[in-house]
Amino acid sequence: GNQRELVASTTMGGNTNYQDSVKGRFTISR
């Protein structure tokens, strides 16, 4: 029932971005 939403992303340069609701709980790495 919801739209697809961004959880976390990482650029090849190492910049990361998180949805506010997962900050401090989720970690994206590569």
mmCIF file of all heavy atoms, coordinates in Angstrom:
data_MODEL
# 
_entry.id   MODEL 
# 
loop_
_atom_site.group_PDB 
_atom_site.id 
_atom_site.type_symbol 
_atom_site.label_atom_id 
_atom_site.label_alt_id 
_atom_site.label_comp_id 
_atom_site.label_asym_id 
_atom_site.label_entity_id 
_atom_site.label_seq_id 
_atom_site.pdbx_PDB_ins_code 
_atom_site.Cartn_x 
_atom_site.Cartn_y 
_atom_site.Cartn_z 
_atom_site.occupancy 
_atom_site.B_iso_or_equiv 
_atom_site.pdbx_formal_charge 
_atom_site.auth_seq_id 
_atom_site.auth_comp_id 
_atom_site.auth_asym_id 
_atom_site.auth_atom_id 
_atom_site.pdbx_PDB_model_num 
ATOM 1   N N   . GLY A 1 1  ? 0.783  -1.223 0.000  1.00 0.00 ? 1  GLY A N   1 
ATOM 2   C CA  . GLY A 1 1  ? 0.000  0.000  0.000  1.00 0.00 ? 1  GLY A CA  1 
ATOM 3   C C   . GLY A 1 1  ? 0.817  1.276  0.000  1.00 0.00 ? 1  GLY A C   1 
ATOM 4   O O   . GLY A 1 1  ? 0.254  2.373  -0.044 1.00 0.00 ? 1  GLY A O   1 
ATOM 5   N N   . ASN A 1 2  ? 2.134  1.133  0.051  1.00 0.00 ? 2  ASN A N   1 
ATOM 6   C CA  . ASN A 1 2  ? 3.015  2.311  0.091  1.00 0.00 ? 2  ASN A CA  1 
ATOM 7   C C   . ASN A 1 2  ? 3.836  2.411  -1.192 1.00 0.00 ? 2  ASN A C   1 
ATOM 8   O O   . ASN A 1 2  ? 4.020  1.433  -1.917 1.00 0.00 ? 2  ASN A O   1 
ATOM 9   C CB  . ASN A 1 2  ? 3.962  2.240  1.282  1.00 0.00 ? 2  ASN A CB  1 
ATOM 10  C CG  . ASN A 1 2  ? 3.254  2.398  2.604  1.00 0.00 ? 2  ASN A CG  1 
ATOM 11  O OD1 . ASN A 1 2  ? 2.065  2.690  2.652  1.00 0.00 ? 2  ASN A OD1 1 
ATOM 12  N ND2 . ASN A 1 2  ? 3.991  2.190  3.678  1.00 0.00 ? 2  ASN A ND2 1 
ATOM 13  N N   . GLN A 1 3  ? 4.350  3.607  -1.427 1.00 0.00 ? 3  GLN A N   1 
ATOM 14  C CA  . GLN A 1 3  ? 5.256  3.789  -2.552 1.00 0.00 ? 3  GLN A CA  1 
ATOM 15  C C   . GLN A 1 3  ? 6.647  3.287  -2.181 1.00 0.00 ? 3  GLN A C   1 
ATOM 16  O O   . GLN A 1 3  ? 7.004  3.197  -1.005 1.00 0.00 ? 3  GLN A O   1 
ATOM 17  C CB  . GLN A 1 3  ? 5.323  5.270  -2.935 1.00 0.00 ? 3  GLN A CB  1 
ATOM 18  C CG  . GLN A 1 3  ? 4.044  5.815  -3.544 1.00 0.00 ? 3  GLN A CG  1 
ATOM 19  C CD  . GLN A 1 3  ? 4.192  7.238  -4.033 1.00 0.00 ? 3  GLN A CD  1 
ATOM 20  O OE1 . GLN A 1 3  ? 4.997  7.992  -3.506 1.00 0.00 ? 3  GLN A OE1 1 
ATOM 21  N NE2 . GLN A 1 3  ? 3.433  7.596  -5.053 1.00 0.00 ? 3  GLN A NE2 1 
ATOM 22  N N   . ARG A 1 4  ? 7.415  2.994  -3.207 1.00 0.00 ? 4  ARG A N   1 
ATOM 23  C CA  . ARG A 1 4  ? 8.795  2.593  -2.983 1.00 0.00 ? 4  ARG A CA  1 
ATOM 24  C C   . ARG A 1 4  ? 9.569  3.802  -2.478 1.00 0.00 ? 4  ARG A C   1 
ATOM 25  O O   . ARG A 1 4  ? 9.440  4.910  -2.998 1.00 0.00 ? 4  ARG A O   1 
ATOM 26  C CB  . ARG A 1 4  ? 9.420  2.073  -4.276 1.00 0.00 ? 4  ARG A CB  1 
ATOM 27  C CG  . ARG A 1 4  ? 10.768 1.407  -4.107 1.00 0.00 ? 4  ARG A CG  1 
ATOM 28  C CD  . ARG A 1 4  ? 11.238 0.760  -5.388 1.00 0.00 ? 4  ARG A CD  1 
ATOM 29  N NE  . ARG A 1 4  ? 10.333 -0.312 -5.808 1.00 0.00 ? 4  ARG A NE  1 
ATOM 30  C CZ  . ARG A 1 4  ? 10.599 -1.144 -6.811 1.00 0.00 ? 4  ARG A CZ  1 
ATOM 31  N NH1 . ARG A 1 4  ? 11.728 -1.028 -7.501 1.00 0.00 ? 4  ARG A NH1 1 
ATOM 32  N NH2 . ARG A 1 4  ? 9.736  -2.080 -7.147 1.00 0.00 ? 4  ARG A NH2 1 
ATOM 33  N N   . GLU A 1 5  ? 10.380 3.590  -1.452 1.00 0.00 ? 5  GLU A N   1 
ATOM 34  C CA  . GLU A 1 5  ? 11.106 4.692  -0.837 1.00 0.00 ? 5  GLU A CA  1 
ATOM 35  C C   . GLU A 1 5  ? 12.576 4.331  -0.668 1.00 0.00 ? 5  GLU A C   1 
ATOM 36  O O   . GLU A 1 5  ? 12.933 3.166  -0.475 1.00 0.00 ? 5  GLU A O   1 
ATOM 37  C CB  . GLU A 1 5  ? 10.509 5.030  0.543  1.00 0.00 ? 5  GLU A CB  1 
ATOM 38  C CG  . GLU A 1 5  ? 10.547 3.901  1.538  1.00 0.00 ? 5  GLU A CG  1 
ATOM 39  C CD  . GLU A 1 5  ? 9.911  4.259  2.874  1.00 0.00 ? 5  GLU A CD  1 
ATOM 40  O OE1 . GLU A 1 5  ? 9.267  5.313  2.972  1.00 0.00 ? 5  GLU A OE1 1 
ATOM 41  O OE2 . GLU A 1 5  ? 10.076 3.462  3.814  1.00 0.00 ? 5  GLU A OE2 1 
ATOM 42  N N   . LEU A 1 6  ? 13.407 5.370  -0.722 1.00 0.00 ? 6  LEU A N   1 
ATOM 43  C CA  . LEU A 1 6  ? 14.835 5.174  -0.521 1.00 0.00 ? 6  LEU A CA  1 
ATOM 44  C C   . LEU A 1 6  ? 15.116 4.866  0.939  1.00 0.00 ? 6  LEU A C   1 
ATOM 45  O O   . LEU A 1 6  ? 14.621 5.556  1.832  1.00 0.00 ? 6  LEU A O   1 
ATOM 46  C CB  . LEU A 1 6  ? 15.610 6.418  -0.949 1.00 0.00 ? 6  LEU A CB  1 
ATOM 47  C CG  . LEU A 1 6  ? 17.107 6.396  -0.681 1.00 0.00 ? 6  LEU A CG  1 
ATOM 48  C CD1 . LEU A 1 6  ? 17.799 5.371  -1.559 1.00 0.00 ? 6  LEU A CD1 1 
ATOM 49  C CD2 . LEU A 1 6  ? 17.701 7.784  -0.896 1.00 0.00 ? 6  LEU A CD2 1 
ATOM 50  N N   . VAL A 1 7  ? 15.917 3.860  1.179  1.00 0.00 ? 7  VAL A N   1 
ATOM 51  C CA  . VAL A 1 7  ? 16.360 3.529  2.530  1.00 0.00 ? 7  VAL A CA  1 
ATOM 52  C C   . VAL A 1 7  ? 17.771 4.076  2.757  1.00 0.00 ? 7  VAL A C   1 
ATOM 53  O O   . VAL A 1 7  ? 18.025 4.775  3.734  1.00 0.00 ? 7  VAL A O   1 
ATOM 54  C CB  . VAL A 1 7  ? 16.344 2.010  2.754  1.00 0.00 ? 7  VAL A CB  1 
ATOM 55  C CG1 . VAL A 1 7  ? 16.883 1.669  4.138  1.00 0.00 ? 7  VAL A CG1 1 
ATOM 56  C CG2 . VAL A 1 7  ? 14.941 1.458  2.569  1.00 0.00 ? 7  VAL A CG2 1 
ATOM 57  N N   . ALA A 1 8  ? 18.677 3.744  1.862  1.00 0.00 ? 8  ALA A N   1 
ATOM 58  C CA  . ALA A 1 8  ? 20.059 4.200  1.986  1.00 0.00 ? 8  ALA A CA  1 
ATOM 59  C C   . ALA A 1 8  ? 20.739 4.093  0.637  1.00 0.00 ? 8  ALA A C   1 
ATOM 60  O O   . ALA A 1 8  ? 20.382 3.245  -0.181 1.00 0.00 ? 8  ALA A O   1 
ATOM 61  C CB  . ALA A 1 8  ? 20.821 3.361  3.016  1.00 0.00 ? 8  ALA A CB  1 
ATOM 62  N N   . SER A 1 9  ? 21.716 4.953  0.428  1.00 0.00 ? 9  SER A N   1 
ATOM 63  C CA  . SER A 1 9  ? 22.461 4.905  -0.819 1.00 0.00 ? 9  SER A CA  1 
ATOM 64  C C   . SER A 1 9  ? 23.916 5.246  -0.558 1.00 0.00 ? 9  SER A C   1 
ATOM 65  O O   . SER A 1 9  ? 24.254 5.866  0.457  1.00 0.00 ? 9  SER A O   1 
ATOM 66  C CB  . SER A 1 9  ? 21.873 5.866  -1.855 1.00 0.00 ? 9  SER A CB  1 
ATOM 67  O OG  . SER A 1 9  ? 22.003 7.205  -1.418 1.00 0.00 ? 9  SER A OG  1 
ATOM 68  N N   . THR A 1 10 ? 24.765 4.818  -1.477 1.00 0.00 ? 10 THR A N   1 
ATOM 69  C CA  . THR A 1 10 ? 26.178 5.143  -1.391 1.00 0.00 ? 10 THR A CA  1 
ATOM 70  C C   . THR A 1 10 ? 26.713 5.406  -2.780 1.00 0.00 ? 10 THR A C   1 
ATOM 71  O O   . THR A 1 10 ? 26.401 4.676  -3.722 1.00 0.00 ? 10 THR A O   1 
ATOM 72  C CB  . THR A 1 10 ? 26.975 4.003  -0.729 1.00 0.00 ? 10 THR A CB  1 
ATOM 73  O OG1 . THR A 1 10 ? 28.369 4.349  -0.702 1.00 0.00 ? 10 THR A OG1 1 
ATOM 74  C CG2 . THR A 1 10 ? 26.811 2.674  -1.458 1.00 0.00 ? 10 THR A CG2 1 
ATOM 75  N N   . THR A 1 11 ? 27.477 6.481  -2.912 1.00 0.00 ? 11 THR A N   1 
ATOM 76  C CA  . THR A 1 11 ? 28.096 6.777  -4.192 1.00 0.00 ? 11 THR A CA  1 
ATOM 77  C C   . THR A 1 11 ? 29.438 6.066  -4.277 1.00 0.00 ? 11 THR A C   1 
ATOM 78  O O   . THR A 1 11 ? 29.995 5.625  -3.263 1.00 0.00 ? 11 THR A O   1 
ATOM 79  C CB  . THR A 1 11 ? 28.320 8.277  -4.369 1.00 0.00 ? 11 THR A CB  1 
ATOM 80  O OG1 . THR A 1 11 ? 29.339 8.709  -3.444 1.00 0.00 ? 11 THR A OG1 1 
ATOM 81  C CG2 . THR A 1 11 ? 27.034 9.055  -4.120 1.00 0.00 ? 11 THR A CG2 1 
ATOM 82  N N   . MET A 1 12 ? 29.954 5.967  -5.482 1.00 0.00 ? 12 MET A N   1 
ATOM 83  C CA  . MET A 1 12 ? 31.251 5.331  -5.642 1.00 0.00 ? 12 MET A CA  1 
ATOM 84  C C   . MET A 1 12 ? 32.349 6.172  -5.002 1.00 0.00 ? 12 MET A C   1 
ATOM 85  O O   . MET A 1 12 ? 33.438 5.680  -4.742 1.00 0.00 ? 12 MET A O   1 
ATOM 86  C CB  . MET A 1 12 ? 31.528 5.091  -7.123 1.00 0.00 ? 12 MET A CB  1 
ATOM 87  C CG  . MET A 1 12 ? 30.556 4.081  -7.763 1.00 0.00 ? 12 MET A CG  1 
ATOM 88  S SD  . MET A 1 12 ? 30.510 2.457  -6.942 1.00 0.00 ? 12 MET A SD  1 
ATOM 89  C CE  . MET A 1 12 ? 28.999 2.576  -5.990 1.00 0.00 ? 12 MET A CE  1 
ATOM 90  N N   . GLY A 1 13 ? 32.040 7.436  -4.719 1.00 0.00 ? 13 GLY A N   1 
ATOM 91  C CA  . GLY A 1 13 ? 32.994 8.289  -4.027 1.00 0.00 ? 13 GLY A CA  1 
ATOM 92  C C   . GLY A 1 13 ? 32.940 8.148  -2.519 1.00 0.00 ? 13 GLY A C   1 
ATOM 93  O O   . GLY A 1 13 ? 33.744 8.761  -1.805 1.00 0.00 ? 13 GLY A O   1 
ATOM 94  N N   . GLY A 1 14 ? 31.970 7.353  -2.034 1.00 0.00 ? 14 GLY A N   1 
ATOM 95  C CA  . GLY A 1 14 ? 31.907 7.081  -0.604 1.00 0.00 ? 14 GLY A CA  1 
ATOM 96  C C   . GLY A 1 14 ? 30.874 7.890  0.160  1.00 0.00 ? 14 GLY A C   1 
ATOM 97  O O   . GLY A 1 14 ? 30.751 7.735  1.378  1.00 0.00 ? 14 GLY A O   1 
ATOM 98  N N   . ASN A 1 15 ? 30.147 8.760  -0.521 1.00 0.00 ? 15 ASN A N   1 
ATOM 99  C CA  . ASN A 1 15 ? 29.103 9.509  0.173  1.00 0.00 ? 15 ASN A CA  1 
ATOM 100 C C   . ASN A 1 15 ? 27.895 8.617  0.421  1.00 0.00 ? 15 ASN A C   1 
ATOM 101 O O   . ASN A 1 15 ? 27.480 7.867  -0.458 1.00 0.00 ? 15 ASN A O   1 
ATOM 102 C CB  . ASN A 1 15 ? 28.681 10.722 -0.660 1.00 0.00 ? 15 ASN A CB  1 
ATOM 103 C CG  . ASN A 1 15 ? 29.796 11.727 -0.795 1.00 0.00 ? 15 ASN A CG  1 
ATOM 104 O OD1 . ASN A 1 15 ? 30.528 11.997 0.158  1.00 0.00 ? 15 ASN A OD1 1 
ATOM 105 N ND2 . ASN A 1 15 ? 29.954 12.289 -1.990 1.00 0.00 ? 15 ASN A ND2 1 
ATOM 106 N N   . THR A 1 16 ? 27.333 8.716  1.620  1.00 0.00 ? 16 THR A N   1 
ATOM 107 C CA  . THR A 1 16 ? 26.172 7.914  1.969  1.00 0.00 ? 16 THR A CA  1 
ATOM 108 C C   . THR A 1 16 ? 24.997 8.806  2.334  1.00 0.00 ? 16 THR A C   1 
ATOM 109 O O   . THR A 1 16 ? 25.166 9.951  2.758  1.00 0.00 ? 16 THR A O   1 
ATOM 110 C CB  . THR A 1 16 ? 26.472 6.969  3.142  1.00 0.00 ? 16 THR A CB  1 
ATOM 111 O OG1 . THR A 1 16 ? 26.901 7.736  4.265  1.00 0.00 ? 16 THR A OG1 1 
ATOM 112 C CG2 . THR A 1 16 ? 27.547 5.962  2.774  1.00 0.00 ? 16 THR A CG2 1 
ATOM 113 N N   . ASN A 1 17 ? 23.825 8.240  2.179  1.00 0.00 ? 17 ASN A N   1 
ATOM 114 C CA  . ASN A 1 17 ? 22.593 8.965  2.477  1.00 0.00 ? 17 ASN A CA  1 
ATOM 115 C C   . ASN A 1 17 ? 21.601 7.979  3.060  1.00 0.00 ? 17 ASN A C   1 
ATOM 116 O O   . ASN A 1 17 ? 21.504 6.838  2.589  1.00 0.00 ? 17 ASN A O   1 
ATOM 117 C CB  . ASN A 1 17 ? 22.032 9.579  1.192  1.00 0.00 ? 17 ASN A CB  1 
ATOM 118 C CG  . ASN A 1 17 ? 20.783 10.393 1.439  1.00 0.00 ? 17 ASN A CG  1 
ATOM 119 O OD1 . ASN A 1 17 ? 20.716 11.169 2.381  1.00 0.00 ? 17 ASN A OD1 1 
ATOM 120 N ND2 . ASN A 1 17 ? 19.776 10.216 0.598  1.00 0.00 ? 17 ASN A ND2 1 
ATOM 121 N N   . TYR A 1 18 ? 20.897 8.394  4.119  1.00 0.00 ? 18 TYR A N   1 
ATOM 122 C CA  . TYR A 1 18 ? 19.952 7.517  4.797  1.00 0.00 ? 18 TYR A CA  1 
ATOM 123 C C   . TYR A 1 18 ? 18.603 8.195  4.959  1.00 0.00 ? 18 TYR A C   1 
ATOM 124 O O   . TYR A 1 18 ? 18.528 9.399  5.207  1.00 0.00 ? 18 TYR A O   1 
ATOM 125 C CB  . TYR A 1 18 ? 20.467 7.131  6.189  1.00 0.00 ? 18 TYR A CB  1 
ATOM 126 C CG  . TYR A 1 18 ? 21.711 6.295  6.191  1.00 0.00 ? 18 TYR A CG  1 
ATOM 127 C CD1 . TYR A 1 18 ? 22.974 6.883  6.248  1.00 0.00 ? 18 TYR A CD1 1 
ATOM 128 C CD2 . TYR A 1 18 ? 21.637 4.901  6.150  1.00 0.00 ? 18 TYR A CD2 1 
ATOM 129 C CE1 . TYR A 1 18 ? 24.123 6.112  6.244  1.00 0.00 ? 18 TYR A CE1 1 
ATOM 130 C CE2 . TYR A 1 18 ? 22.784 4.116  6.157  1.00 0.00 ? 18 TYR A CE2 1 
ATOM 131 C CZ  . TYR A 1 18 ? 24.021 4.735  6.203  1.00 0.00 ? 18 TYR A CZ  1 
ATOM 132 O OH  . TYR A 1 18 ? 25.158 3.971  6.208  1.00 0.00 ? 18 TYR A OH  1 
ATOM 133 N N   . GLN A 1 19 ? 17.563 7.385  4.889  1.00 0.00 ? 19 GLN A N   1 
ATOM 134 C CA  . GLN A 1 19 ? 16.251 7.858  5.287  1.00 0.00 ? 19 GLN A CA  1 
ATOM 135 C C   . GLN A 1 19 ? 16.291 8.130  6.786  1.00 0.00 ? 19 GLN A C   1 
ATOM 136 O O   . GLN A 1 19 ? 16.927 7.394  7.542  1.00 0.00 ? 19 GLN A O   1 
ATOM 137 C CB  . GLN A 1 19 ? 15.215 6.778  4.979  1.00 0.00 ? 19 GLN A CB  1 
ATOM 138 C CG  . GLN A 1 19 ? 13.795 7.164  5.296  1.00 0.00 ? 19 GLN A CG  1 
ATOM 139 C CD  . GLN A 1 19 ? 12.856 5.981  5.170  1.00 0.00 ? 19 GLN A CD  1 
ATOM 140 O OE1 . GLN A 1 19 ? 12.316 5.523  6.170  1.00 0.00 ? 19 GLN A OE1 1 
ATOM 141 N NE2 . GLN A 1 19 ? 12.645 5.479  3.976  1.00 0.00 ? 19 GLN A NE2 1 
ATOM 142 N N   . ASP A 1 20 ? 15.611 9.186  7.209  1.00 0.00 ? 20 ASP A N   1 
ATOM 143 C CA  . ASP A 1 20 ? 15.680 9.569  8.623  1.00 0.00 ? 20 ASP A CA  1 
ATOM 144 C C   . ASP A 1 20 ? 15.284 8.436  9.557  1.00 0.00 ? 20 ASP A C   1 
ATOM 145 O O   . ASP A 1 20 ? 15.868 8.272  10.644 1.00 0.00 ? 20 ASP A O   1 
ATOM 146 C CB  . ASP A 1 20 ? 14.778 10.782 8.878  1.00 0.00 ? 20 ASP A CB  1 
ATOM 147 C CG  . ASP A 1 20 ? 15.363 12.076 8.343  1.00 0.00 ? 20 ASP A CG  1 
ATOM 148 O OD1 . ASP A 1 20 ? 16.563 12.099 8.011  1.00 0.00 ? 20 ASP A OD1 1 
ATOM 149 O OD2 . ASP A 1 20 ? 14.613 13.064 8.257  1.00 0.00 ? 20 ASP A OD2 1 
ATOM 150 N N   . SER A 1 21 ? 14.301 7.644  9.184  1.00 0.00 ? 21 SER A N   1 
ATOM 151 C CA  . SER A 1 21 ? 13.779 6.614  10.088 1.00 0.00 ? 21 SER A CA  1 
ATOM 152 C C   . SER A 1 21 ? 14.769 5.475  10.334 1.00 0.00 ? 21 SER A C   1 
ATOM 153 O O   . SER A 1 21 ? 14.579 4.685  11.265 1.00 0.00 ? 21 SER A O   1 
ATOM 154 C CB  . SER A 1 21 ? 12.470 6.040  9.547  1.00 0.00 ? 21 SER A CB  1 
ATOM 155 O OG  . SER A 1 21 ? 12.701 5.294  8.366  1.00 0.00 ? 21 SER A OG  1 
ATOM 156 N N   . VAL A 1 22 ? 15.822 5.378  9.529  1.00 0.00 ? 22 VAL A N   1 
ATOM 157 C CA  . VAL A 1 22 ? 16.775 4.273  9.710  1.00 0.00 ? 22 VAL A CA  1 
ATOM 158 C C   . VAL A 1 22 ? 18.137 4.759  10.192 1.00 0.00 ? 22 VAL A C   1 
ATOM 159 O O   . VAL A 1 22 ? 19.020 3.940  10.464 1.00 0.00 ? 22 VAL A O   1 
ATOM 160 C CB  . VAL A 1 22 ? 16.940 3.457  8.408  1.00 0.00 ? 22 VAL A CB  1 
ATOM 161 C CG1 . VAL A 1 22 ? 15.594 3.002  7.888  1.00 0.00 ? 22 VAL A CG1 1 
ATOM 162 C CG2 . VAL A 1 22 ? 17.718 4.205  7.352  1.00 0.00 ? 22 VAL A CG2 1 
ATOM 163 N N   . LYS A 1 23 ? 18.309 6.062  10.300 1.00 0.00 ? 23 LYS A N   1 
ATOM 164 C CA  . LYS A 1 23 ? 19.599 6.591  10.753 1.00 0.00 ? 23 LYS A CA  1 
ATOM 165 C C   . LYS A 1 23 ? 19.931 6.062  12.136 1.00 0.00 ? 23 LYS A C   1 
ATOM 166 O O   . LYS A 1 23 ? 19.098 6.053  13.030 1.00 0.00 ? 23 LYS A O   1 
ATOM 167 C CB  . LYS A 1 23 ? 19.570 8.120  10.759 1.00 0.00 ? 23 LYS A CB  1 
ATOM 168 C CG  . LYS A 1 23 ? 19.617 8.739  9.375  1.00 0.00 ? 23 LYS A CG  1 
ATOM 169 C CD  . LYS A 1 23 ? 19.579 10.264 9.452  1.00 0.00 ? 23 LYS A CD  1 
ATOM 170 C CE  . LYS A 1 23 ? 19.641 10.880 8.054  1.00 0.00 ? 23 LYS A CE  1 
ATOM 171 N NZ  . LYS A 1 23 ? 19.552 12.356 8.094  1.00 0.00 ? 23 LYS A NZ  1 
ATOM 172 N N   . GLY A 1 24 ? 21.156 5.628  12.293 1.00 0.00 ? 24 GLY A N   1 
ATOM 173 C CA  . GLY A 1 24 ? 21.596 5.073  13.565 1.00 0.00 ? 24 GLY A CA  1 
ATOM 174 C C   . GLY A 1 24 ? 21.288 3.597  13.728 1.00 0.00 ? 24 GLY A C   1 
ATOM 175 O O   . GLY A 1 24 ? 21.791 2.950  14.659 1.00 0.00 ? 24 GLY A O   1 
ATOM 176 N N   . ARG A 1 25 ? 20.474 3.045  12.838 1.00 0.00 ? 25 ARG A N   1 
ATOM 177 C CA  . ARG A 1 25 ? 20.137 1.611  12.923 1.00 0.00 ? 25 ARG A CA  1 
ATOM 178 C C   . ARG A 1 25 ? 20.664 0.830  11.717 1.00 0.00 ? 25 ARG A C   1 
ATOM 179 O O   . ARG A 1 25 ? 21.058 -0.326 11.861 1.00 0.00 ? 25 ARG A O   1 
ATOM 180 C CB  . ARG A 1 25 ? 18.613 1.436  13.014 1.00 0.00 ? 25 ARG A CB  1 
ATOM 181 C CG  . ARG A 1 25 ? 17.978 2.094  14.208 1.00 0.00 ? 25 ARG A CG  1 
ATOM 182 C CD  . ARG A 1 25 ? 16.502 1.708  14.340 1.00 0.00 ? 25 ARG A CD  1 
ATOM 183 N NE  . ARG A 1 25 ? 15.695 2.141  13.206 1.00 0.00 ? 25 ARG A NE  1 
ATOM 184 C CZ  . ARG A 1 25 ? 14.977 1.330  12.443 1.00 0.00 ? 25 ARG A CZ  1 
ATOM 185 N NH1 . ARG A 1 25 ? 14.967 0.029  12.681 1.00 0.00 ? 25 ARG A NH1 1 
ATOM 186 N NH2 . ARG A 1 25 ? 14.254 1.816  11.433 1.00 0.00 ? 25 ARG A NH2 1 
ATOM 187 N N   . PHE A 1 26 ? 20.639 1.436  10.561 1.00 0.00 ? 26 PHE A N   1 
ATOM 188 C CA  . PHE A 1 26 ? 21.069 0.778  9.325  1.00 0.00 ? 26 PHE A CA  1 
ATOM 189 C C   . PHE A 1 26 ? 22.396 1.362  8.869  1.00 0.00 ? 26 PHE A C   1 
ATOM 190 O O   . PHE A 1 26 ? 22.655 2.559  9.031  1.00 0.00 ? 26 PHE A O   1 
ATOM 191 C CB  . PHE A 1 26 ? 20.052 0.979  8.208  1.00 0.00 ? 26 PHE A CB  1 
ATOM 192 C CG  . PHE A 1 26 ? 18.730 0.276  8.396  1.00 0.00 ? 26 PHE A CG  1 
ATOM 193 C CD1 . PHE A 1 26 ? 18.394 -0.342 9.594  1.00 0.00 ? 26 PHE A CD1 1 
ATOM 194 C CD2 . PHE A 1 26 ? 17.813 0.243  7.365  1.00 0.00 ? 26 PHE A CD2 1 
ATOM 195 C CE1 . PHE A 1 26 ? 17.176 -0.983 9.756  1.00 0.00 ? 26 PHE A CE1 1 
ATOM 196 C CE2 . PHE A 1 26 ? 16.588 -0.393 7.505  1.00 0.00 ? 26 PHE A CE2 1 
ATOM 197 C CZ  . PHE A 1 26 ? 16.267 -1.005 8.715  1.00 0.00 ? 26 PHE A CZ  1 
ATOM 198 N N   . THR A 1 27 ? 23.212 0.518  8.263  1.00 0.00 ? 27 THR A N   1 
ATOM 199 C CA  . THR A 1 27 ? 24.478 0.969  7.707  1.00 0.00 ? 27 THR A CA  1 
ATOM 200 C C   . THR A 1 27 ? 24.656 0.372  6.314  1.00 0.00 ? 27 THR A C   1 
ATOM 201 O O   . THR A 1 27 ? 24.561 -0.855 6.154  1.00 0.00 ? 27 THR A O   1 
ATOM 202 C CB  . THR A 1 27 ? 25.663 0.543  8.595  1.00 0.00 ? 27 THR A CB  1 
ATOM 203 O OG1 . THR A 1 27 ? 25.489 1.066  9.909  1.00 0.00 ? 27 THR A OG1 1 
ATOM 204 C CG2 . THR A 1 27 ? 26.973 1.068  8.018  1.00 0.00 ? 27 THR A CG2 1 
ATOM 205 N N   . ILE A 1 28 ? 24.919 1.226  5.351  1.00 0.00 ? 28 ILE A N   1 
ATOM 206 C CA  . ILE A 1 28 ? 25.198 0.760  3.999  1.00 0.00 ? 28 ILE A CA  1 
ATOM 207 C C   . ILE A 1 28 ? 26.707 0.762  3.797  1.00 0.00 ? 28 ILE A C   1 
ATOM 208 O O   . ILE A 1 28 ? 27.402 1.676  4.240  1.00 0.00 ? 28 ILE A O   1 
ATOM 209 C CB  . ILE A 1 28 ? 24.484 1.630  2.940  1.00 0.00 ? 28 ILE A CB  1 
ATOM 210 C CG1 . ILE A 1 28 ? 24.588 0.981  1.556  1.00 0.00 ? 28 ILE A CG1 1 
ATOM 211 C CG2 . ILE A 1 28 ? 24.998 3.060  2.924  1.00 0.00 ? 28 ILE A CG2 1 
ATOM 212 C CD1 . ILE A 1 28 ? 23.670 1.625  0.511  1.00 0.00 ? 28 ILE A CD1 1 
ATOM 213 N N   . SER A 1 29 ? 27.190 -0.288 3.174  1.00 0.00 ? 29 SER A N   1 
ATOM 214 C CA  . SER A 1 29 ? 28.623 -0.386 2.908  1.00 0.00 ? 29 SER A CA  1 
ATOM 215 C C   . SER A 1 29 ? 28.814 -1.127 1.597  1.00 0.00 ? 29 SER A C   1 
ATOM 216 O O   . SER A 1 29 ? 27.876 -1.712 1.058  1.00 0.00 ? 29 SER A O   1 
ATOM 217 C CB  . SER A 1 29 ? 29.344 -1.115 4.047  1.00 0.00 ? 29 SER A CB  1 
ATOM 218 O OG  . SER A 1 29 ? 28.858 -2.437 4.175  1.00 0.00 ? 29 SER A OG  1 
ATOM 219 N N   . ARG A 1 30 ? 30.031 -1.101 1.109  1.00 0.00 ? 30 ARG A N   1 
ATOM 220 C CA  . ARG A 1 30 ? 30.265 -1.788 -0.159 1.00 0.00 ? 30 ARG A CA  1 
ATOM 221 C C   . ARG A 1 30 ? 31.647 -2.412 -0.182 1.00 0.00 ? 30 ARG A C   1 
ATOM 222 O O   . ARG A 1 30 ? 32.560 -1.962 0.507  1.00 0.00 ? 30 ARG A O   1 
ATOM 223 C CB  . ARG A 1 30 ? 30.097 -0.818 -1.328 1.00 0.00 ? 30 ARG A CB  1 
ATOM 224 C CG  . ARG A 1 30 ? 31.159 0.250  -1.419 1.00 0.00 ? 30 ARG A CG  1 
ATOM 225 C CD  . ARG A 1 30 ? 30.877 1.211  -2.565 1.00 0.00 ? 30 ARG A CD  1 
ATOM 226 N NE  . ARG A 1 30 ? 32.043 1.991  -2.902 1.00 0.00 ? 30 ARG A NE  1 
ATOM 227 C CZ  . ARG A 1 30 ? 32.416 3.078  -2.262 1.00 0.00 ? 30 ARG A CZ  1 
ATOM 228 N NH1 . ARG A 1 30 ? 31.700 3.528  -1.245 1.00 0.00 ? 30 ARG A NH1 1 
ATOM 229 N NH2 . ARG A 1 30 ? 33.504 3.723  -2.623 1.00 0.00 ? 30 ARG A NH2 1 
# 
